[in-house]
Amino acid sequence: MLGRTYEHENCSAARALEVAGERWSLLILRDAIFRGLTRFSEFERSLGLATNVLASRLDLFVAEELMELVPASGHTGQLEYRLTAKGRDFEGVVVALAAWGDRWSAPDGPPIQFHHASCGGPVTVDLRCSGCDRVIQAGDVLADPGPGNRSGKEFRR
């Protein structure tokens, strides 16, 4: 069984998995980003997961600054989990993962469709080269060690 940390991996994807790689984590973030859920009871009702698991994930999101715990509006004495800019930045991750699922795991079509708030057009996820501004295909991407690489591992195929 894998542990929760990937300290021996010198990779930003591995670091991201430490924060949001558990299966419920992305669903909690999805519901916060796209459904506007903020209260513990809303997440519990929406996802049907055990309260200890939900509390653990939300506590991690607060500790990692993806969410902040703030007093609920209306002076109810309740608290809400509000996304921070860091948490909202997971929007693209959720859209990309859903696009993969739509392509490979949704025989009846996408269960959720993402649209641009301003014009209503469908949102797509593309790999784009910032050098030539072309959309490129999976398999056309090479990975080289970056400035934060401490492992000396090569990523070439």
C-alpha atoms as a PDB file:
ATOM      1  CA  MET A   1       0.000   0.000   0.000  1.00  0.00           C
ATOM      2  CA  LEU A   2       1.258   3.466  -0.870  1.00  0.00           C
ATOM      3  CA  GLY A   3       1.815   5.997   1.854  1.00  0.00           C
ATOM      4  CA  ARG A   4       0.352   9.497   1.745  1.00  0.00           C
ATOM      5  CA  THR A   5       3.626  11.187   0.878  1.00  0.00           C
ATOM      6  CA  TYR A   6       5.953  10.869  -2.055  1.00  0.00           C
ATOM      7  CA  GLU A   7       8.998  12.515  -0.484  1.00  0.00           C
ATOM      8  CA  HIS A   8      11.385  10.453  -2.618  1.00  0.00           C
ATOM      9  CA  GLU A   9       9.729  11.668  -5.818  1.00  0.00           C
ATOM     10  CA  ASN A  10      11.157  14.877  -7.234  1.00  0.00           C
ATOM     11  CA  CYS A  11       8.033  15.739  -9.202  1.00  0.00           C
ATOM     12  CA  SER A  12       5.345  18.401  -8.951  1.00  0.00           C
ATOM     13  CA  ALA A  13       2.674  15.870  -9.966  1.00  0.00           C
ATOM     14  CA  ALA A  14       3.662  13.724  -6.972  1.00  0.00           C
ATOM     15  CA  ARG A  15       3.475  16.785  -4.694  1.00  0.00           C
ATOM     16  CA  ALA A  16      -0.003  17.572  -6.028  1.00  0.00           C
ATOM     17  CA  LEU A  17      -1.073  13.971  -5.320  1.00  0.00           C
ATOM     18  CA  GLU A  18      -0.072  14.431  -1.674  1.00  0.00           C
ATOM     19  CA  VAL A  19      -2.674  17.198  -1.425  1.00  0.00           C
ATOM     20  CA  ALA A  20      -5.485  16.042  -3.719  1.00  0.00           C
ATOM     21  CA  GLY A  21      -4.679  12.564  -4.981  1.00  0.00           C
ATOM     22  CA  GLU A  22      -7.068  10.648  -2.787  1.00  0.00           C
ATOM     23  CA  ARG A  23     -10.281   9.782  -4.631  1.00  0.00           C
ATOM     24  CA  TRP A  24     -12.631  11.867  -2.483  1.00  0.00           C
ATOM     25  CA  SER A  25     -10.387  14.931  -2.621  1.00  0.00           C
ATOM     26  CA  LEU A  26     -11.047  15.767  -6.261  1.00  0.00           C
ATOM     27  CA  LEU A  27     -14.771  15.221  -5.791  1.00  0.00           C
ATOM     28  CA  ILE A  28     -14.822  17.600  -2.829  1.00  0.00           C
ATOM     29  CA  LEU A  29     -12.941  20.182  -4.894  1.00  0.00           C
ATOM     30  CA  ARG A  30     -15.271  19.580  -7.858  1.00  0.00           C
ATOM     31  CA  ASP A  31     -18.307  20.238  -5.689  1.00  0.00           C
ATOM     32  CA  ALA A  32     -16.752  23.352  -4.165  1.00  0.00           C
ATOM     33  CA  ILE A  33     -15.672  24.755  -7.551  1.00  0.00           C
ATOM     34  CA  PHE A  34     -18.659  23.897  -9.737  1.00  0.00           C
ATOM     35  CA  ARG A  35     -21.546  23.434  -7.301  1.00  0.00           C
ATOM     36  CA  GLY A  36     -20.567  26.172  -4.876  1.00  0.00           C
ATOM     37  CA  LEU A  37     -20.695  23.912  -1.818  1.00  0.00           C
ATOM     38  CA  THR A  38     -19.121  25.414   1.300  1.00  0.00           C
ATOM     39  CA  ARG A  39     -20.604  23.683   4.347  1.00  0.00           C
ATOM     40  CA  PHE A  40     -19.584  20.371   5.864  1.00  0.00           C
ATOM     41  CA  SER A  41     -23.183  19.139   5.758  1.00  0.00           C
ATOM     42  CA  GLU A  42     -23.465  20.020   2.042  1.00  0.00           C
ATOM     43  CA  PHE A  43     -20.362  17.991   1.155  1.00  0.00           C
ATOM     44  CA  GLU A  44     -21.562  15.124   3.332  1.00  0.00           C
ATOM     45  CA  ARG A  45     -25.004  15.089   1.689  1.00  0.00           C
ATOM     46  CA  SER A  46     -23.608  15.471  -1.833  1.00  0.00           C
ATOM     47  CA  LEU A  47     -20.938  12.785  -1.615  1.00  0.00           C
ATOM     48  CA  GLY A  48     -22.246  10.429   1.062  1.00  0.00           C
ATOM     49  CA  LEU A  49     -18.821   9.794   2.548  1.00  0.00           C
ATOM     50  CA  ALA A  50     -17.999   9.073   6.164  1.00  0.00           C
ATOM     51  CA  THR A  51     -17.740  12.162   8.354  1.00  0.00           C
ATOM     52  CA  ASN A  52     -14.229  11.273   9.550  1.00  0.00           C
ATOM     53  CA  VAL A  53     -12.985  10.999   5.954  1.00  0.00           C
ATOM     54  CA  LEU A  54     -14.650  14.281   4.978  1.00  0.00           C
ATOM     55  CA  ALA A  55     -13.269  16.064   8.049  1.00  0.00           C
ATOM     56  CA  SER A  56      -9.783  14.768   7.313  1.00  0.00           C
ATOM     57  CA  ARG A  57      -9.879  15.971   3.682  1.00  0.00           C
ATOM     58  CA  LEU A  58     -11.281  19.386   4.579  1.00  0.00           C
ATOM     59  CA  ASP A  59      -8.706  19.808   7.353  1.00  0.00           C
ATOM     60  CA  LEU A  60      -5.947  18.992   4.852  1.00  0.00           C
ATOM     61  CA  PHE A  61      -7.347  21.512   2.361  1.00  0.00           C
ATOM     62  CA  VAL A  62      -7.325  24.197   5.058  1.00  0.00           C
ATOM     63  CA  ALA A  63      -3.775  23.260   6.145  1.00  0.00           C
ATOM     64  CA  GLU A  64      -2.597  23.325   2.510  1.00  0.00           C
ATOM     65  CA  GLU A  65      -4.443  26.630   1.921  1.00  0.00           C
ATOM     66  CA  LEU A  66      -6.767  25.322  -0.800  1.00  0.00           C
ATOM     67  CA  MET A  67      -9.669  26.338   1.424  1.00  0.00           C
ATOM     68  CA  GLU A  68     -10.133  28.654   4.349  1.00  0.00           C
ATOM     69  CA  LEU A  69     -12.545  28.234   7.223  1.00  0.00           C
ATOM     70  CA  VAL A  70     -14.705  31.349   7.592  1.00  0.00           C
ATOM     71  CA  PRO A  71     -17.876  32.260   9.493  1.00  0.00           C
ATOM     72  CA  ALA A  72     -20.991  31.533   7.445  1.00  0.00           C
ATOM     73  CA  SER A  73     -22.948  34.467   6.140  1.00  0.00           C
ATOM     74  CA  GLY A  74     -26.129  35.233   8.046  1.00  0.00           C
ATOM     75  CA  HIS A  75     -24.541  35.103  11.525  1.00  0.00           C
ATOM     76  CA  THR A  76     -25.614  31.483  12.052  1.00  0.00           C
ATOM     77  CA  GLY A  77     -22.543  30.528  14.065  1.00  0.00           C
ATOM     78  CA  GLN A  78     -21.692  27.941  11.427  1.00  0.00           C
ATOM     79  CA  LEU A  79     -18.437  27.821   9.512  1.00  0.00           C
ATOM     80  CA  GLU A  80     -17.909  27.489   5.772  1.00  0.00           C
ATOM     81  CA  TYR A  81     -15.057  26.097   3.729  1.00  0.00           C
ATOM     82  CA  ARG A  82     -14.285  28.704   1.080  1.00  0.00           C
ATOM     83  CA  LEU A  83     -11.935  28.073  -1.807  1.00  0.00           C
ATOM     84  CA  THR A  84      -8.793  30.170  -1.967  1.00  0.00           C
ATOM     85  CA  ALA A  85      -7.120  31.133  -5.253  1.00  0.00           C
ATOM     86  CA  LYS A  86      -4.939  28.031  -4.802  1.00  0.00           C
ATOM     87  CA  GLY A  87      -8.064  25.866  -4.484  1.00  0.00           C
ATOM     88  CA  ARG A  88      -9.851  27.499  -7.417  1.00  0.00           C
ATOM     89  CA  ASP A  89      -6.781  26.747  -9.509  1.00  0.00           C
ATOM     90  CA  PHE A  90      -7.816  23.070  -9.389  1.00  0.00           C
ATOM     91  CA  GLU A  91     -10.627  23.922 -11.820  1.00  0.00           C
ATOM     92  CA  GLY A  92      -8.451  23.042 -14.818  1.00  0.00           C
ATOM     93  CA  VAL A  93      -7.398  19.762 -13.213  1.00  0.00           C
ATOM     94  CA  VAL A  94     -11.027  18.731 -12.687  1.00  0.00           C
ATOM     95  CA  VAL A  95     -11.982  19.739 -16.245  1.00  0.00           C
ATOM     96  CA  ALA A  96      -8.996  17.827 -17.697  1.00  0.00           C
ATOM     97  CA  LEU A  97      -9.739  14.700 -15.671  1.00  0.00           C
ATOM     98  CA  ALA A  98     -13.425  14.861 -16.655  1.00  0.00           C
ATOM     99  CA  ALA A  99     -12.458  15.264 -20.334  1.00  0.00           C
ATOM    100  CA  TRP A 100     -10.365  12.094 -20.124  1.00  0.00           C
ATOM    101  CA  GLY A 101     -13.244  10.295 -18.387  1.00  0.00           C
ATOM    102  CA  ASP A 102     -15.701  11.545 -21.038  1.00  0.00           C
ATOM    103  CA  ARG A 103     -13.510  10.157 -23.789  1.00  0.00           C
ATOM    104  CA  TRP A 104     -12.659   6.802 -22.269  1.00  0.00           C
ATOM    105  CA  SER A 105     -15.275   5.995 -19.620  1.00  0.00           C
ATOM    106  CA  ALA A 106     -18.594   7.596 -20.598  1.00  0.00           C
ATOM    107  CA  PRO A 107     -20.330   5.420 -23.212  1.00  0.00           C
ATOM    108  CA  ASP A 108     -23.573   7.433 -22.935  1.00  0.00           C
ATOM    109  CA  GLY A 109     -21.858  10.806 -23.217  1.00  0.00           C
ATOM    110  CA  PRO A 110     -20.532  13.288 -20.686  1.00  0.00           C
ATOM    111  CA  PRO A 111     -22.455  13.333 -17.404  1.00  0.00           C
ATOM    112  CA  ILE A 112     -21.245  16.910 -16.803  1.00  0.00           C
ATOM    113  CA  GLN A 113     -20.620  19.499 -19.511  1.00  0.00           C
ATOM    114  CA  PHE A 114     -18.420  22.521 -18.879  1.00  0.00           C
ATOM    115  CA  HIS A 115     -19.266  25.846 -20.563  1.00  0.00           C
ATOM    116  CA  HIS A 116     -17.647  29.280 -20.670  1.00  0.00           C
ATOM    117  CA  ALA A 117     -19.572  31.567 -18.301  1.00  0.00           C
ATOM    118  CA  SER A 118     -19.417  34.556 -20.681  1.00  0.00           C
ATOM    119  CA  CYS A 119     -20.428  33.105 -24.034  1.00  0.00           C
ATOM    120  CA  GLY A 120     -21.738  29.613 -23.209  1.00  0.00           C
ATOM    121  CA  GLY A 121     -19.263  27.849 -25.486  1.00  0.00           C
ATOM    122  CA  PRO A 122     -17.972  24.405 -24.511  1.00  0.00           C
ATOM    123  CA  VAL A 123     -14.704  24.328 -22.580  1.00  0.00           C
ATOM    124  CA  THR A 124     -11.971  22.047 -23.905  1.00  0.00           C
ATOM    125  CA  VAL A 125      -8.578  21.066 -22.576  1.00  0.00           C
ATOM    126  CA  ASP A 126      -5.727  21.239 -25.039  1.00  0.00           C
ATOM    127  CA  LEU A 127      -1.986  20.727 -24.878  1.00  0.00           C
ATOM    128  CA  ARG A 128      -0.599  23.914 -26.398  1.00  0.00           C
ATOM    129  CA  CYS A 129       2.995  24.879 -27.124  1.00  0.00           C
ATOM    130  CA  SER A 130       3.711  28.382 -25.835  1.00  0.00           C
ATOM    131  CA  GLY A 131       6.588  28.669 -28.354  1.00  0.00           C
ATOM    132  CA  CYS A 132       4.648  28.151 -31.597  1.00  0.00           C
ATOM    133  CA  ASP A 133       1.084  28.445 -30.169  1.00  0.00           C
ATOM    134  CA  ARG A 134       0.039  25.150 -31.767  1.00  0.00           C
ATOM    135  CA  VAL A 135      -2.207  22.556 -30.182  1.00  0.00           C
ATOM    136  CA  ILE A 136      -0.125  19.399 -29.896  1.00  0.00           C
ATOM    137  CA  GLN A 137      -1.031  15.761 -29.392  1.00  0.00           C
ATOM    138  CA  ALA A 138      -0.315  13.511 -26.436  1.00  0.00           C
ATOM    139  CA  GLY A 139       2.941  11.759 -27.216  1.00  0.00           C
ATOM    140  CA  ASP A 140       4.480  14.936 -28.660  1.00  0.00           C
ATOM    141  CA  VAL A 141       5.518  16.174 -25.219  1.00  0.00           C
ATOM    142  CA  LEU A 142       9.011  15.616 -23.846  1.00  0.00           C
ATOM    143  CA  ALA A 143       9.923  16.020 -20.177  1.00  0.00           C
ATOM    144  CA  ASP A 144      13.318  17.418 -19.201  1.00  0.00           C
ATOM    145  CA  PRO A 145      14.683  18.146 -15.736  1.00  0.00           C
ATOM    146  CA  GLY A 146      13.688  21.637 -14.608  1.00  0.00           C
ATOM    147  CA  PRO A 147      15.365  24.106 -12.268  1.00  0.00           C
ATOM    148  CA  GLY A 148      13.856  22.443  -9.189  1.00  0.00           C
ATOM    149  CA  ASN A 149      15.079  18.947 -10.122  1.00  0.00           C
ATOM    150  CA  ARG A 150      17.302  17.453  -7.455  1.00  0.00           C
ATOM    151  CA  SER A 151      17.165  13.829  -8.538  1.00  0.00           C
ATOM    152  CA  GLY A 152      19.178  13.911 -11.740  1.00  0.00           C
ATOM    153  CA  LYS A 153      16.644  11.496 -13.276  1.00  0.00           C
ATOM    154  CA  GLU A 154      16.057  11.744 -16.999  1.00  0.00           C
ATOM    155  CA  PHE A 155      12.515  11.630 -18.357  1.00  0.00           C
ATOM    156  CA  ARG A 156      13.184  10.920 -22.026  1.00  0.00           C
ATOM    157  CA  ARG A 157      11.469   8.039 -23.782  1.00  0.00           C
END
